Amino acid sequence: MQALEKQGKRPRMPDLSRGEYLFEAMQRLGPTRSEGMGGVRAVDWPEIMAFAQGTQRISEPWEIEQIRDMATAYLAGYQTGCKLFGIEPMEQAEEEECEDE
């Protein structure tokens, strides 16, 4: 996202009108963590639980599960974006809709 912003472009994002607070919580928490040897992983359960307890931004079990799922999807999209010929997740969704018709 930062590379696009430097180019003056905005990344395409899905509509988050009802769950925007969950996206904001995930961004504040940070969806990924560095691993040794340059690896990256999605934020894990203990980190999400500590965030939930420390900030009280989220409290329901389904919200905690949702943030974990969102972080995992974020990482998958990030890894796709790192590939030279990777397809942006929003474009993948559009292609799947066309195939279903």
PDB file of N, CA and C in Angstrom:
ATOM      1  N   MET A   1       0.819  -1.176   0.000  1.00  0.00           N
ATOM      2  CA  MET A   1       0.000   0.000   0.000  1.00  0.00           C
ATOM      3  C   MET A   1       0.871   1.251   0.000  1.00  0.00           C
ATOM      4  N   GLN A   2       1.956   1.212   0.726  1.00  0.00           N
ATOM      5  CA  GLN A   2       2.820   2.383   0.791  1.00  0.00           C
ATOM      6  C   GLN A   2       3.425   2.712  -0.562  1.00  0.00           C
ATOM      7  N   ALA A   3       3.775   1.682  -1.345  1.00  0.00           N
ATOM      8  CA  ALA A   3       4.342   1.918  -2.672  1.00  0.00           C
ATOM      9  C   ALA A   3       3.318   2.616  -3.565  1.00  0.00           C
ATOM     10  N   LEU A   4       2.056   2.197  -3.503  1.00  0.00           N
ATOM     11  CA  LEU A   4       1.008   2.846  -4.290  1.00  0.00           C
ATOM     12  C   LEU A   4       0.809   4.289  -3.843  1.00  0.00           C
ATOM     13  N   GLU A   5       0.814   4.505  -2.534  1.00  0.00           N
ATOM     14  CA  GLU A   5       0.625   5.861  -2.021  1.00  0.00           C
ATOM     15  C   GLU A   5       1.754   6.785  -2.463  1.00  0.00           C
ATOM     16  N   LYS A   6       2.977   6.275  -2.526  1.00  0.00           N
ATOM     17  CA  LYS A   6       4.104   7.078  -3.005  1.00  0.00           C
ATOM     18  C   LYS A   6       3.925   7.472  -4.461  1.00  0.00           C
ATOM     19  N   GLN A   7       3.233   6.625  -5.231  1.00  0.00           N
ATOM     20  CA  GLN A   7       2.965   6.906  -6.635  1.00  0.00           C
ATOM     21  C   GLN A   7       1.726   7.780  -6.803  1.00  0.00           C
ATOM     22  N   GLY A   8       1.096   8.160  -5.699  1.00  0.00           N
ATOM     23  CA  GLY A   8      -0.103   8.977  -5.767  1.00  0.00           C
ATOM     24  C   GLY A   8      -1.356   8.185  -6.086  1.00  0.00           C
ATOM     25  N   LYS A   9      -1.296   6.868  -5.930  1.00  0.00           N
ATOM     26  CA  LYS A   9      -2.445   6.010  -6.223  1.00  0.00           C
ATOM     27  C   LYS A   9      -3.033   5.487  -4.919  1.00  0.00           C
ATOM     28  N   ARG A  10      -4.310   5.217  -4.951  1.00  0.00           N
ATOM     29  CA  ARG A  10      -4.974   4.608  -3.793  1.00  0.00           C
ATOM     30  C   ARG A  10      -5.244   3.151  -4.101  1.00  0.00           C
ATOM     31  N   PRO A  11      -4.927   2.249  -3.170  1.00  0.00           N
ATOM     32  CA  PRO A  11      -5.242   0.835  -3.406  1.00  0.00           C
ATOM     33  C   PRO A  11      -6.750   0.628  -3.396  1.00  0.00           C
ATOM     34  N   ARG A  12      -7.221  -0.263  -4.236  1.00  0.00           N
ATOM     35  CA  ARG A  12      -8.650  -0.583  -4.251  1.00  0.00           C
ATOM     36  C   ARG A  12      -8.957  -1.440  -3.035  1.00  0.00           C
ATOM     37  N   MET A  13     -10.021  -1.102  -2.368  1.00  0.00           N
ATOM     38  CA  MET A  13     -10.389  -1.810  -1.145  1.00  0.00           C
ATOM     39  C   MET A  13     -11.861  -2.193  -1.204  1.00  0.00           C
ATOM     40  N   PRO A  14     -12.234  -3.293  -0.554  1.00  0.00           N
ATOM     41  CA  PRO A  14     -13.651  -3.651  -0.488  1.00  0.00           C
ATOM     42  C   PRO A  14     -14.414  -2.686   0.420  1.00  0.00           C
ATOM     43  N   ASP A  15     -15.728  -2.662   0.304  1.00  0.00           N
ATOM     44  CA  ASP A  15     -16.570  -1.829   1.152  1.00  0.00           C
ATOM     45  C   ASP A  15     -16.550  -2.383   2.574  1.00  0.00           C
ATOM     46  N   LEU A  16     -16.183  -1.539   3.523  1.00  0.00           N
ATOM     47  CA  LEU A  16     -16.077  -1.976   4.913  1.00  0.00           C
ATOM     48  C   LEU A  16     -17.013  -1.200   5.834  1.00  0.00           C
ATOM     49  N   SER A  17     -18.075  -0.657   5.287  1.00  0.00           N
ATOM     50  CA  SER A  17     -18.915   0.265   6.047  1.00  0.00           C
ATOM     51  C   SER A  17     -19.324  -0.263   7.426  1.00  0.00           C
ATOM     52  N   ARG A  18     -19.709  -1.505   7.531  1.00  0.00           N
ATOM     53  CA  ARG A  18     -20.156  -2.029   8.830  1.00  0.00           C
ATOM     54  C   ARG A  18     -19.002  -2.532   9.696  1.00  0.00           C
ATOM     55  N   GLY A  19     -17.942  -2.995   9.088  1.00  0.00           N
ATOM     56  CA  GLY A  19     -16.846  -3.580   9.857  1.00  0.00           C
ATOM     57  C   GLY A  19     -15.587  -2.743   9.860  1.00  0.00           C
ATOM     58  N   GLU A  20     -15.733  -1.463   9.582  1.00  0.00           N
ATOM     59  CA  GLU A  20     -14.551  -0.601   9.507  1.00  0.00           C
ATOM     60  C   GLU A  20     -13.769  -0.599  10.819  1.00  0.00           C
ATOM     61  N   TYR A  21     -14.457  -0.680  11.938  1.00  0.00           N
ATOM     62  CA  TYR A  21     -13.766  -0.692  13.224  1.00  0.00           C
ATOM     63  C   TYR A  21     -12.854  -1.914  13.353  1.00  0.00           C
ATOM     64  N   LEU A  22     -13.244  -3.047  12.747  1.00  0.00           N
ATOM     65  CA  LEU A  22     -12.391  -4.238  12.791  1.00  0.00           C
ATOM     66  C   LEU A  22     -11.141  -4.034  11.944  1.00  0.00           C
ATOM     67  N   PHE A  23     -11.314  -3.408  10.782  1.00  0.00           N
ATOM     68  CA  PHE A  23     -10.159  -3.112   9.931  1.00  0.00           C
ATOM     69  C   PHE A  23      -9.213  -2.153  10.649  1.00  0.00           C
ATOM     70  N   GLU A  24      -9.759  -1.130  11.281  1.00  0.00           N
ATOM     71  CA  GLU A  24      -8.930  -0.183  12.028  1.00  0.00           C
ATOM     72  C   GLU A  24      -8.200  -0.873  13.174  1.00  0.00           C
ATOM     73  N   ALA A  25      -8.881  -1.789  13.854  1.00  0.00           N
ATOM     74  CA  ALA A  25      -8.238  -2.535  14.945  1.00  0.00           C
ATOM     75  C   ALA A  25      -7.099  -3.393  14.398  1.00  0.00           C
ATOM     76  N   MET A  26      -7.346  -4.064  13.261  1.00  0.00           N
ATOM     77  CA  MET A  26      -6.292  -4.892  12.672  1.00  0.00           C
ATOM     78  C   MET A  26      -5.094  -4.044  12.260  1.00  0.00           C
ATOM     79  N   GLN A  27      -5.353  -2.875  11.682  1.00  0.00           N
ATOM     80  CA  GLN A  27      -4.254  -1.998  11.259  1.00  0.00           C
ATOM     81  C   GLN A  27      -3.467  -1.502  12.466  1.00  0.00           C
ATOM     82  N   ARG A  28      -4.156  -1.158  13.541  1.00  0.00           N
ATOM     83  CA  ARG A  28      -3.469  -0.691  14.754  1.00  0.00           C
ATOM     84  C   ARG A  28      -2.639  -1.819  15.364  1.00  0.00           C
ATOM     85  N   LEU A  29      -3.191  -3.011  15.378  1.00  0.00           N
ATOM     86  CA  LEU A  29      -2.473  -4.186  15.881  1.00  0.00           C
ATOM     87  C   LEU A  29      -1.288  -4.528  14.983  1.00  0.00           C
ATOM     88  N   GLY A  30      -1.497  -4.360  13.683  1.00  0.00           N
ATOM     89  CA  GLY A  30      -0.491  -4.777  12.702  1.00  0.00           C
ATOM     90  C   GLY A  30      -0.825  -6.190  12.271  1.00  0.00           C
ATOM     91  N   PRO A  31      -1.188  -6.388  10.994  1.00  0.00           N
ATOM     92  CA  PRO A  31      -1.654  -7.702  10.552  1.00  0.00           C
ATOM     93  C   PRO A  31      -0.571  -8.765  10.418  1.00  0.00           C
ATOM     94  N   THR A  32       0.687  -8.355  10.375  1.00  0.00           N
ATOM     95  CA  THR A  32       1.771  -9.325  10.182  1.00  0.00           C
ATOM     96  C   THR A  32       2.896  -9.090  11.178  1.00  0.00           C
ATOM     97  N   ARG A  33       3.722 -10.114  11.300  1.00  0.00           N
ATOM     98  CA  ARG A  33       4.922 -10.054  12.132  1.00  0.00           C
ATOM     99  C   ARG A  33       6.088 -10.626  11.330  1.00  0.00           C
ATOM    100  N   SER A  34       7.263 -10.099  11.585  1.00  0.00           N
ATOM    101  CA  SER A  34       8.468 -10.613  10.933  1.00  0.00           C
ATOM    102  C   SER A  34       8.901 -11.908  11.596  1.00  0.00           C
ATOM    103  N   GLU A  35       9.425 -12.795  10.770  1.00  0.00           N
ATOM    104  CA  GLU A  35      10.032 -14.027  11.264  1.00  0.00           C
ATOM    105  C   GLU A  35      11.491 -14.023  10.838  1.00  0.00           C
ATOM    106  N   GLY A  36      12.252 -14.938  11.372  1.00  0.00           N
ATOM    107  CA  GLY A  36      13.651 -15.034  11.004  1.00  0.00           C
ATOM    108  C   GLY A  36      13.854 -15.266   9.517  1.00  0.00           C
ATOM    109  N   MET A  37      14.973 -14.847   9.005  1.00  0.00           N
ATOM    110  CA  MET A  37      15.359 -15.050   7.602  1.00  0.00           C
ATOM    111  C   MET A  37      14.434 -14.308   6.628  1.00  0.00           C
ATOM    112  N   GLY A  38      13.856 -13.209   7.062  1.00  0.00           N
ATOM    113  CA  GLY A  38      13.041 -12.398   6.173  1.00  0.00           C
ATOM    114  C   GLY A  38      11.621 -12.875   5.977  1.00  0.00           C
ATOM    115  N   GLY A  39      11.198 -13.873   6.721  1.00  0.00           N
ATOM    116  CA  GLY A  39       9.834 -14.375   6.580  1.00  0.00           C
ATOM    117  C   GLY A  39       8.822 -13.460   7.247  1.00  0.00           C
ATOM    118  N   VAL A  40       7.578 -13.624   6.871  1.00  0.00           N
ATOM    119  CA  VAL A  40       6.481 -12.855   7.443  1.00  0.00           C
ATOM    120  C   VAL A  40       5.351 -13.826   7.768  1.00  0.00           C
ATOM    121  N   ARG A  41       4.671 -13.587   8.882  1.00  0.00           N
ATOM    122  CA  ARG A  41       3.535 -14.427   9.265  1.00  0.00           C
ATOM    123  C   ARG A  41       2.389 -13.527   9.700  1.00  0.00           C
ATOM    124  N   ALA A  42       1.192 -14.084   9.667  1.00  0.00           N
ATOM    125  CA  ALA A  42       0.023 -13.353  10.157  1.00  0.00           C
ATOM    126  C   ALA A  42       0.102 -13.243  11.675  1.00  0.00           C
ATOM    127  N   VAL A  43      -0.467 -12.184  12.207  1.00  0.00           N
ATOM    128  CA  VAL A  43      -0.528 -12.017  13.651  1.00  0.00           C
ATOM    129  C   VAL A  43      -1.244 -13.227  14.241  1.00  0.00           C
ATOM    130  N   ASP A  44      -0.820 -13.663  15.423  1.00  0.00           N
ATOM    131  CA  ASP A  44      -1.337 -14.908  15.993  1.00  0.00           C
ATOM    132  C   ASP A  44      -2.266 -14.648  17.182  1.00  0.00           C
ATOM    133  N   TRP A  45      -2.928 -15.694  17.622  1.00  0.00           N
ATOM    134  CA  TRP A  45      -3.941 -15.604  18.676  1.00  0.00           C
ATOM    135  C   TRP A  45      -3.458 -14.886  19.937  1.00  0.00           C
ATOM    136  N   PRO A  46      -2.313 -15.239  20.523  1.00  0.00           N
ATOM    137  CA  PRO A  46      -1.896 -14.553  21.750  1.00  0.00           C
ATOM    138  C   PRO A  46      -1.717 -13.042  21.551  1.00  0.00           C
ATOM    139  N   GLU A  47      -1.233 -12.648  20.377  1.00  0.00           N
ATOM    140  CA  GLU A  47      -1.039 -11.225  20.091  1.00  0.00           C
ATOM    141  C   GLU A  47      -2.391 -10.514  19.960  1.00  0.00           C
ATOM    142  N   ILE A  48      -3.348 -11.173  19.339  1.00  0.00           N
ATOM    143  CA  ILE A  48      -4.683 -10.585  19.190  1.00  0.00           C
ATOM    144  C   ILE A  48      -5.362 -10.479  20.552  1.00  0.00           C
ATOM    145  N   MET A  49      -5.230 -11.522  21.371  1.00  0.00           N
ATOM    146  CA  MET A  49      -5.838 -11.504  22.708  1.00  0.00           C
ATOM    147  C   MET A  49      -5.243 -10.390  23.575  1.00  0.00           C
ATOM    148  N   ALA A  50      -3.932 -10.233  23.517  1.00  0.00           N
ATOM    149  CA  ALA A  50      -3.292  -9.162  24.288  1.00  0.00           C
ATOM    150  C   ALA A  50      -3.777  -7.798  23.809  1.00  0.00           C
ATOM    151  N   PHE A  51      -3.912  -7.634  22.504  1.00  0.00           N
ATOM    152  CA  PHE A  51      -4.421  -6.386  21.939  1.00  0.00           C
ATOM    153  C   PHE A  51      -5.851  -6.139  22.409  1.00  0.00           C
ATOM    154  N   ALA A  52      -6.688  -7.161  22.344  1.00  0.00           N
ATOM    155  CA  ALA A  52      -8.093  -7.026  22.754  1.00  0.00           C
ATOM    156  C   ALA A  52      -8.196  -6.625  24.222  1.00  0.00           C
ATOM    157  N   GLN A  53      -7.427  -7.278  25.073  1.00  0.00           N
ATOM    158  CA  GLN A  53      -7.476  -6.975  26.497  1.00  0.00           C
ATOM    159  C   GLN A  53      -6.875  -5.612  26.809  1.00  0.00           C
ATOM    160  N   GLY A  54      -5.793  -5.269  26.127  1.00  0.00           N
ATOM    161  CA  GLY A  54      -5.106  -4.007  26.400  1.00  0.00           C
ATOM    162  C   GLY A  54      -5.829  -2.785  25.893  1.00  0.00           C
ATOM    163  N   THR A  55      -6.513  -2.902  24.764  1.00  0.00           N
ATOM    164  CA  THR A  55      -7.158  -1.729  24.166  1.00  0.00           C
ATOM    165  C   THR A  55      -8.668  -1.702  24.349  1.00  0.00           C
ATOM    166  N   GLN A  56      -9.275  -2.845  24.551  1.00  0.00           N
ATOM    167  CA  GLN A  56     -10.722  -2.998  24.638  1.00  0.00           C
ATOM    168  C   GLN A  56     -11.433  -2.488  23.372  1.00  0.00           C
ATOM    169  N   ARG A  57     -10.721  -2.502  22.250  1.00  0.00           N
ATOM    170  CA  ARG A  57     -11.329  -2.132  20.958  1.00  0.00           C
ATOM    171  C   ARG A  57     -12.234  -3.250  20.461  1.00  0.00           C
ATOM    172  N   ILE A  58     -11.900  -4.482  20.823  1.00  0.00           N
ATOM    173  CA  ILE A  58     -12.705  -5.639  20.459  1.00  0.00           C
ATOM    174  C   ILE A  58     -12.880  -6.488  21.714  1.00  0.00           C
ATOM    175  N   SER A  59     -14.013  -7.182  21.795  1.00  0.00           N
ATOM    176  CA  SER A  59     -14.251  -7.981  23.000  1.00  0.00           C
ATOM    177  C   SER A  59     -14.957  -9.297  22.707  1.00  0.00           C
ATOM    178  N   GLU A  60     -15.680  -9.356  21.607  1.00  0.00           N
ATOM    179  CA  GLU A  60     -16.450 -10.555  21.292  1.00  0.00           C
ATOM    180  C   GLU A  60     -15.569 -11.619  20.632  1.00  0.00           C
ATOM    181  N   PRO A  61     -15.808 -12.893  20.950  1.00  0.00           N
ATOM    182  CA  PRO A  61     -15.012 -13.958  20.335  1.00  0.00           C
ATOM    183  C   PRO A  61     -15.034 -13.918  18.805  1.00  0.00           C
ATOM    184  N   TRP A  62     -16.178 -13.600  18.201  1.00  0.00           N
ATOM    185  CA  TRP A  62     -16.250 -13.571  16.739  1.00  0.00           C
ATOM    186  C   TRP A  62     -15.382 -12.445  16.176  1.00  0.00           C
ATOM    187  N   GLU A  63     -15.230 -11.334  16.916  1.00  0.00           N
ATOM    188  CA  GLU A  63     -14.377 -10.237  16.454  1.00  0.00           C
ATOM    189  C   GLU A  63     -12.913 -10.663  16.453  1.00  0.00           C
ATOM    190  N   ILE A  64     -12.528 -11.407  17.470  1.00  0.00           N
ATOM    191  CA  ILE A  64     -11.153 -11.905  17.566  1.00  0.00           C
ATOM    192  C   ILE A  64     -10.876 -12.879  16.422  1.00  0.00           C
ATOM    193  N   GLU A  65     -11.823 -13.774  16.162  1.00  0.00           N
ATOM    194  CA  GLU A  65     -11.679 -14.705  15.035  1.00  0.00           C
ATOM    195  C   GLU A  65     -11.611 -13.949  13.712  1.00  0.00           C
ATOM    196  N   GLN A  66     -12.436 -12.924  13.578  1.00  0.00           N
ATOM    197  CA  GLN A  66     -12.463 -12.150  12.341  1.00  0.00           C
ATOM    198  C   GLN A  66     -11.136 -11.443  12.106  1.00  0.00           C
ATOM    199  N   ILE A  67     -10.553 -10.881  13.139  1.00  0.00           N
ATOM    200  CA  ILE A  67      -9.260 -10.205  12.970  1.00  0.00           C
ATOM    201  C   ILE A  67      -8.197 -11.209  12.566  1.00  0.00           C
ATOM    202  N   ARG A  68      -8.223 -12.407  13.128  1.00  0.00           N
ATOM    203  CA  ARG A  68      -7.270 -13.444  12.724  1.00  0.00           C
ATOM    204  C   ARG A  68      -7.466 -13.801  11.253  1.00  0.00           C
ATOM    205  N   ASP A  69      -8.704 -13.983  10.822  1.00  0.00           N
ATOM    206  CA  ASP A  69      -8.991 -14.294   9.421  1.00  0.00           C
ATOM    207  C   ASP A  69      -8.566 -13.149   8.502  1.00  0.00           C
ATOM    208  N   MET A  70      -8.821 -11.917   8.933  1.00  0.00           N
ATOM    209  CA  MET A  70      -8.433 -10.755   8.129  1.00  0.00           C
ATOM    210  C   MET A  70      -6.915 -10.665   7.999  1.00  0.00           C
ATOM    211  N   ALA A  71      -6.194 -10.931   9.083  1.00  0.00           N
ATOM    212  CA  ALA A  71      -4.734 -10.877   9.043  1.00  0.00           C
ATOM    213  C   ALA A  71      -4.169 -11.953   8.126  1.00  0.00           C
ATOM    214  N   THR A  72      -4.777 -13.136   8.159  1.00  0.00           N
ATOM    215  CA  THR A  72      -4.347 -14.222   7.280  1.00  0.00           C
ATOM    216  C   THR A  72      -4.594 -13.858   5.819  1.00  0.00           C
ATOM    217  N   ALA A  73      -5.756 -13.268   5.531  1.00  0.00           N
ATOM    218  CA  ALA A  73      -6.071 -12.838   4.162  1.00  0.00           C
ATOM    219  C   ALA A  73      -5.158 -11.702   3.727  1.00  0.00           C
ATOM    220  N   TYR A  74      -4.841 -10.792   4.643  1.00  0.00           N
ATOM    221  CA  TYR A  74      -3.933  -9.686   4.340  1.00  0.00           C
ATOM    222  C   TYR A  74      -2.573 -10.240   3.924  1.00  0.00           C
ATOM    223  N   LEU A  75      -2.074 -11.206   4.687  1.00  0.00           N
ATOM    224  CA  LEU A  75      -0.782 -11.806   4.373  1.00  0.00           C
ATOM    225  C   LEU A  75      -0.817 -12.493   3.015  1.00  0.00           C
ATOM    226  N   ALA A  76      -1.888 -13.218   2.721  1.00  0.00           N
ATOM    227  CA  ALA A  76      -2.008 -13.881   1.419  1.00  0.00           C
ATOM    228  C   ALA A  76      -1.992 -12.851   0.292  1.00  0.00           C
ATOM    229  N   GLY A  77      -2.701 -11.743   0.463  1.00  0.00           N
ATOM    230  CA  GLY A  77      -2.692 -10.681  -0.537  1.00  0.00           C
ATOM    231  C   GLY A  77      -1.333 -10.031  -0.674  1.00  0.00           C
ATOM    232  N   TYR A  78      -0.659  -9.844   0.448  1.00  0.00           N
ATOM    233  CA  TYR A  78       0.692  -9.277   0.430  1.00  0.00           C
ATOM    234  C   TYR A  78       1.643 -10.186  -0.344  1.00  0.00           C
ATOM    235  N   GLN A  79       1.569 -11.482  -0.077  1.00  0.00           N
ATOM    236  CA  GLN A  79       2.446 -12.428  -0.765  1.00  0.00           C
ATOM    237  C   GLN A  79       2.155 -12.469  -2.252  1.00  0.00           C
ATOM    238  N   THR A  80       0.884 -12.373  -2.636  1.00  0.00           N
ATOM    239  CA  THR A  80       0.521 -12.315  -4.053  1.00  0.00           C
ATOM    240  C   THR A  80       1.088 -11.049  -4.681  1.00  0.00           C
ATOM    241  N   GLY A  81       0.985  -9.940  -3.969  1.00  0.00           N
ATOM    242  CA  GLY A  81       1.484  -8.663  -4.473  1.00  0.00           C
ATOM    243  C   GLY A  81       2.990  -8.631  -4.654  1.00  0.00           C
ATOM    244  N   CYS A  82       3.695  -9.483  -3.939  1.00  0.00           N
ATOM    245  CA  CYS A  82       5.154  -9.541  -4.063  1.00  0.00           C
ATOM    246  C   CYS A  82       5.598 -10.289  -5.321  1.00  0.00           C
ATOM    247  N   LYS A  83       4.689 -11.046  -5.919  1.00  0.00           N
ATOM    248  CA  LYS A  83       5.023 -11.804  -7.126  1.00  0.00           C
ATOM    249  C   LYS A  83       4.983 -10.872  -8.329  1.00  0.00           C
ATOM    250  N   LEU A  84       5.893 -11.071  -9.247  1.00  0.00           N
ATOM    251  CA  LEU A  84       5.989 -10.214 -10.417  1.00  0.00           C
ATOM    252  C   LEU A  84       4.688 -10.165 -11.203  1.00  0.00           C
ATOM    253  N   PHE A  85       4.046 -11.301 -11.397  1.00  0.00           N
ATOM    254  CA  PHE A  85       2.809 -11.356 -12.167  1.00  0.00           C
ATOM    255  C   PHE A  85       1.598 -11.636 -11.275  1.00  0.00           C
ATOM    256  N   GLY A  86       1.680 -11.250 -10.009  1.00  0.00           N
ATOM    257  CA  GLY A  86       0.579 -11.469  -9.085  1.00  0.00           C
ATOM    258  C   GLY A  86      -0.639 -10.634  -9.470  1.00  0.00           C
ATOM    259  N   ILE A  87      -1.820 -11.174  -9.232  1.00  0.00           N
ATOM    260  CA  ILE A  87      -3.064 -10.481  -9.538  1.00  0.00           C
ATOM    261  C   ILE A  87      -3.631  -9.904  -8.247  1.00  0.00           C
ATOM    262  N   GLU A  88      -3.931  -8.632  -8.270  1.00  0.00           N
ATOM    263  CA  GLU A  88      -4.486  -7.934  -7.127  1.00  0.00           C
ATOM    264  C   GLU A  88      -5.743  -8.658  -6.638  1.00  0.00           C
ATOM    265  N   PRO A  89      -5.892  -8.865  -5.300  1.00  0.00           N
ATOM    266  CA  PRO A  89      -7.048  -9.605  -4.789  1.00  0.00           C
ATOM    267  C   PRO A  89      -8.397  -9.066  -5.273  1.00  0.00           C
ATOM    268  N   MET A  90      -8.553  -7.756  -5.398  1.00  0.00           N
ATOM    269  CA  MET A  90      -9.820  -7.194  -5.879  1.00  0.00           C
ATOM    270  C   MET A  90     -10.076  -7.609  -7.323  1.00  0.00           C
ATOM    271  N   GLU A  91      -9.021  -7.702  -8.137  1.00  0.00           N
ATOM    272  CA  GLU A  91      -9.186  -8.137  -9.522  1.00  0.00           C
ATOM    273  C   GLU A  91      -9.504  -9.628  -9.582  1.00  0.00           C
ATOM    274  N   GLN A  92      -8.944 -10.417  -8.676  1.00  0.00           N
ATOM    275  CA  GLN A  92      -9.260 -11.845  -8.632  1.00  0.00           C
ATOM    276  C   GLN A  92     -10.746 -12.037  -8.387  1.00  0.00           C
ATOM    277  N   ALA A  93     -11.312 -11.259  -7.480  1.00  0.00           N
ATOM    278  CA  ALA A  93     -12.742 -11.366  -7.173  1.00  0.00           C
ATOM    279  C   ALA A  93     -13.576 -11.014  -8.399  1.00  0.00           C
ATOM    280  N   GLU A  94     -13.160  -9.983  -9.142  1.00  0.00           N
ATOM    281  CA  GLU A  94     -13.897  -9.593 -10.344  1.00  0.00           C
ATOM    282  C   GLU A  94     -13.826 -10.694 -11.412  1.00  0.00           C
ATOM    283  N   GLU A  95     -12.668 -11.328 -11.554  1.00  0.00           N
ATOM    284  CA  GLU A  95     -12.522 -12.404 -12.518  1.00  0.00           C
ATOM    285  C   GLU A  95     -13.410 -13.590 -12.146  1.00  0.00           C
ATOM    286  N   GLU A  96     -13.487 -13.920 -10.862  1.00  0.00           N
ATOM    287  CA  GLU A  96     -14.321 -15.030 -10.408  1.00  0.00           C
ATOM    288  C   GLU A  96     -15.789 -14.747 -10.682  1.00  0.00           C
ATOM    289  N   GLU A  97     -16.226 -13.479 -10.507  1.00  0.00           N
ATOM    290  CA  GLU A  97     -17.614 -13.122 -10.795  1.00  0.00           C
ATOM    291  C   GLU A  97     -17.914 -13.328 -12.278  1.00  0.00           C
ATOM    292  N   CYS A  98     -16.983 -12.970 -13.147  1.00  0.00           N
ATOM    293  CA  CYS A  98     -17.188 -13.123 -14.594  1.00  0.00           C
ATOM    294  C   CYS A  98     -17.274 -14.597 -14.961  1.00  0.00           C
ATOM    295  N   GLU A  99     -16.491 -15.446 -14.318  1.00  0.00           N
ATOM    296  CA  GLU A  99     -16.496 -16.875 -14.623  1.00  0.00           C
ATOM    297  C   GLU A  99     -17.812 -17.519 -14.198  1.00  0.00           C
ATOM    298  N   ASP A 100     -18.412 -17.016 -13.130  1.00  0.00           N
ATOM    299  CA  ASP A 100     -19.666 -17.577 -12.623  1.00  0.00           C
ATOM    300  C   ASP A 100     -20.858 -17.269 -13.534  1.00  0.00           C
ATOM    301  N   GLU A 101     -20.760 -16.213 -14.304  1.00  0.00           N
ATOM    302  CA  GLU A 101     -21.897 -15.797 -15.155  1.00  0.00           C
ATOM    303  C   GLU A 101     -22.072 -16.674 -16.353  1.00  0.00           C
TER     304      GLU A 101
END
